[in-house]
Amino acid sequence: MVGTLATLFACMAIFIACLGLFGLAAFTAEQRTKEIGVRKVLGASVASIVTLLSKDFVKLVLIAIVISSPIAWYVMNQWLQGFAYKTDISWWVFALAGLLAVGIALLTVSVQSIKAALMNPMKSLRSE
C-alpha cells in the first residue's frame, strides 16, 4: 500500500516537473523565434536548432544532478544505517537516476524544440 502510494506521488511529481520544463522550453523557443528564423534562412538544420535549444536545459539538469547526488547519498546512507541489516547504496543507482533525468528532460524539451525548428522562418522574420 505504501509502495503504491509512493509510486503514485513520484509519478505525479515527475509529471508536474515535466509540465514546468515544457512551459520553460516553450517560453525559450518563443523568445528565440527570430534567432531560429535567421539560423534557418542561413541554412541551419533541424538537428542543429534542436541541439541549440536543448543544450541549455541539459546543462541545468546536469548541474542539478551534481548538486543533488552527494546530498541524496548522504541522506540515504544515514537512513540505511538505522536498519539492523546494514547495506550500502551503490553508485550506479545515482548514475541511472541521472541518466533517466537527462532522458526525460531531453524528451520533454525536444517536442517544443522540434516544433520551433520546423516552423516557417518567414513567419518569424516578417512580423517585425
Protein backbone atom coordinates (compact mmCIF):
# COMPACT_ATOMS: atom_id res chain seq x y z
CA MET A 1 0.00 0.00 0.00
CA VAL A 2 2.73 2.46 0.96
CA GLY A 3 4.82 1.47 -2.07
CA THR A 4 1.90 2.05 -4.41
CA LEU A 5 1.22 5.43 -2.84
CA ALA A 6 4.89 6.44 -3.08
CA THR A 7 4.98 5.38 -6.74
CA LEU A 8 1.84 7.37 -7.49
CA PHE A 9 3.18 10.54 -5.88
CA ALA A 10 6.58 10.12 -7.57
CA CYS A 11 4.89 9.82 -10.97
CA MET A 12 2.79 12.90 -10.22
CA ALA A 13 5.92 14.86 -9.22
CA ILE A 14 7.72 13.84 -12.41
CA PHE A 15 4.68 14.81 -14.49
CA ILE A 16 4.41 18.24 -12.84
CA ALA A 17 8.15 18.81 -13.31
CA CYS A 18 7.84 17.88 -16.99
CA LEU A 19 5.00 20.37 -17.40
CA GLY A 20 7.16 23.09 -15.89
CA LEU A 21 10.08 22.15 -18.11
CA PHE A 22 7.80 22.06 -21.15
CA GLY A 23 6.50 25.53 -20.33
CA LEU A 24 10.03 26.85 -19.91
CA ALA A 25 11.05 25.31 -23.24
CA ALA A 26 8.02 26.86 -24.95
CA PHE A 27 8.87 30.24 -23.48
CA THR A 28 12.51 29.96 -24.57
CA ALA A 29 11.53 28.93 -28.09
CA GLU A 30 9.12 31.84 -28.31
CA GLN A 31 11.78 34.28 -27.11
CA ARG A 32 14.28 32.99 -29.68
CA THR A 33 11.88 32.85 -32.63
CA LYS A 34 13.74 35.47 -34.66
CA GLU A 35 17.11 33.84 -33.96
CA ILE A 36 15.75 30.47 -35.09
CA GLY A 37 14.31 32.07 -38.23
CA VAL A 38 17.62 33.71 -39.12
CA ARG A 39 19.53 30.48 -38.49
CA LYS A 40 17.12 28.56 -40.74
CA VAL A 41 17.43 31.12 -43.52
CA LEU A 42 21.21 30.84 -43.26
CA GLY A 43 20.99 27.05 -43.66
CA ALA A 44 20.82 25.57 -40.17
CA SER A 45 19.43 22.05 -39.97
CA VAL A 46 16.62 20.95 -37.69
CA ALA A 47 19.10 18.91 -35.64
CA SER A 48 21.36 21.89 -35.03
CA ILE A 49 18.43 24.04 -33.88
CA VAL A 50 17.17 21.29 -31.57
CA THR A 51 20.71 20.96 -30.17
CA LEU A 52 20.91 24.72 -29.70
CA LEU A 53 17.70 24.83 -27.70
CA SER A 54 18.28 21.60 -25.76
CA LYS A 55 21.84 22.12 -24.56
CA ASP A 56 20.87 24.88 -22.10
CA PHE A 57 18.33 22.63 -20.42
CA VAL A 58 20.70 19.66 -20.31
CA LYS A 59 23.32 21.86 -18.61
CA LEU A 60 20.79 22.82 -15.94
CA VAL A 61 19.78 19.20 -15.36
CA LEU A 62 23.43 18.12 -15.09
CA ILE A 63 24.13 20.87 -12.55
CA ALA A 64 21.10 19.71 -10.54
CA ILE A 65 22.39 16.12 -10.63
CA VAL A 66 25.87 17.16 -9.48
CA ILE A 67 24.39 19.14 -6.58
CA SER A 68 21.74 16.64 -5.52
CA SER A 69 23.61 13.32 -5.81
CA PRO A 70 26.00 13.83 -2.86
CA ILE A 71 23.18 15.15 -0.70
CA ALA A 72 20.94 12.21 -1.61
CA TRP A 73 23.79 9.74 -1.00
CA TYR A 74 24.43 11.19 2.47
CA VAL A 75 20.76 11.18 3.47
CA MET A 76 20.17 7.67 2.12
CA ASN A 77 23.34 6.38 3.77
CA GLN A 78 22.28 7.80 7.14
CA TRP A 79 18.81 6.33 6.77
CA LEU A 80 20.09 2.87 5.76
CA GLN A 81 22.46 2.74 8.74
CA GLY A 82 19.44 2.74 11.06
CA PHE A 83 18.40 -0.77 9.98
CA ALA A 84 19.56 -3.98 11.63
CA TYR A 85 20.94 -5.41 8.38
CA LYS A 86 23.17 -2.65 7.10
CA THR A 87 23.71 -2.20 3.39
CA ASP A 88 25.48 0.34 1.24
CA ILE A 89 23.89 2.22 -1.61
CA SER A 90 25.64 1.71 -4.95
CA TRP A 91 26.93 4.46 -7.22
CA TRP A 92 25.05 3.08 -10.22
CA VAL A 93 21.72 4.00 -8.62
CA PHE A 94 22.62 7.69 -8.86
CA ALA A 95 24.06 7.26 -12.37
CA LEU A 96 20.85 5.57 -13.53
CA ALA A 97 18.69 8.26 -11.90
CA GLY A 98 20.81 10.94 -13.57
CA LEU A 99 20.52 9.30 -16.98
CA LEU A 100 16.77 8.98 -16.56
CA ALA A 101 16.51 12.65 -15.55
CA VAL A 102 18.53 13.77 -18.59
CA GLY A 103 16.47 11.50 -20.85
CA ILE A 104 13.15 12.81 -19.53
CA ALA A 105 14.38 16.40 -19.86
CA LEU A 106 15.54 15.81 -23.45
CA LEU A 107 12.26 14.14 -24.34
CA THR A 108 10.27 16.99 -22.82
CA VAL A 109 12.32 19.77 -24.41
CA SER A 110 12.72 18.10 -27.80
CA VAL A 111 8.99 18.24 -28.50
CA GLN A 112 8.99 22.02 -28.28
CA SER A 113 12.38 22.35 -29.96
CA ILE A 114 11.34 20.30 -32.98
CA LYS A 115 8.16 22.32 -33.30
CA ALA A 116 10.18 25.56 -33.27
CA ALA A 117 12.75 24.16 -35.70
CA LEU A 118 10.12 23.07 -38.23
CA MET A 119 8.35 26.43 -38.18
CA ASN A 120 8.43 28.53 -41.36
CA PRO A 121 11.21 31.12 -40.88
CA MET A 122 9.41 33.75 -42.95
CA LYS A 123 6.59 33.99 -40.40
CA SER A 124 9.01 34.89 -37.63
CA LEU A 125 11.05 37.31 -39.74
CA ARG A 126 8.04 39.04 -41.33
CA SER A 127 6.43 40.01 -38.02
CA GLU A 128 8.73 42.97 -37.38
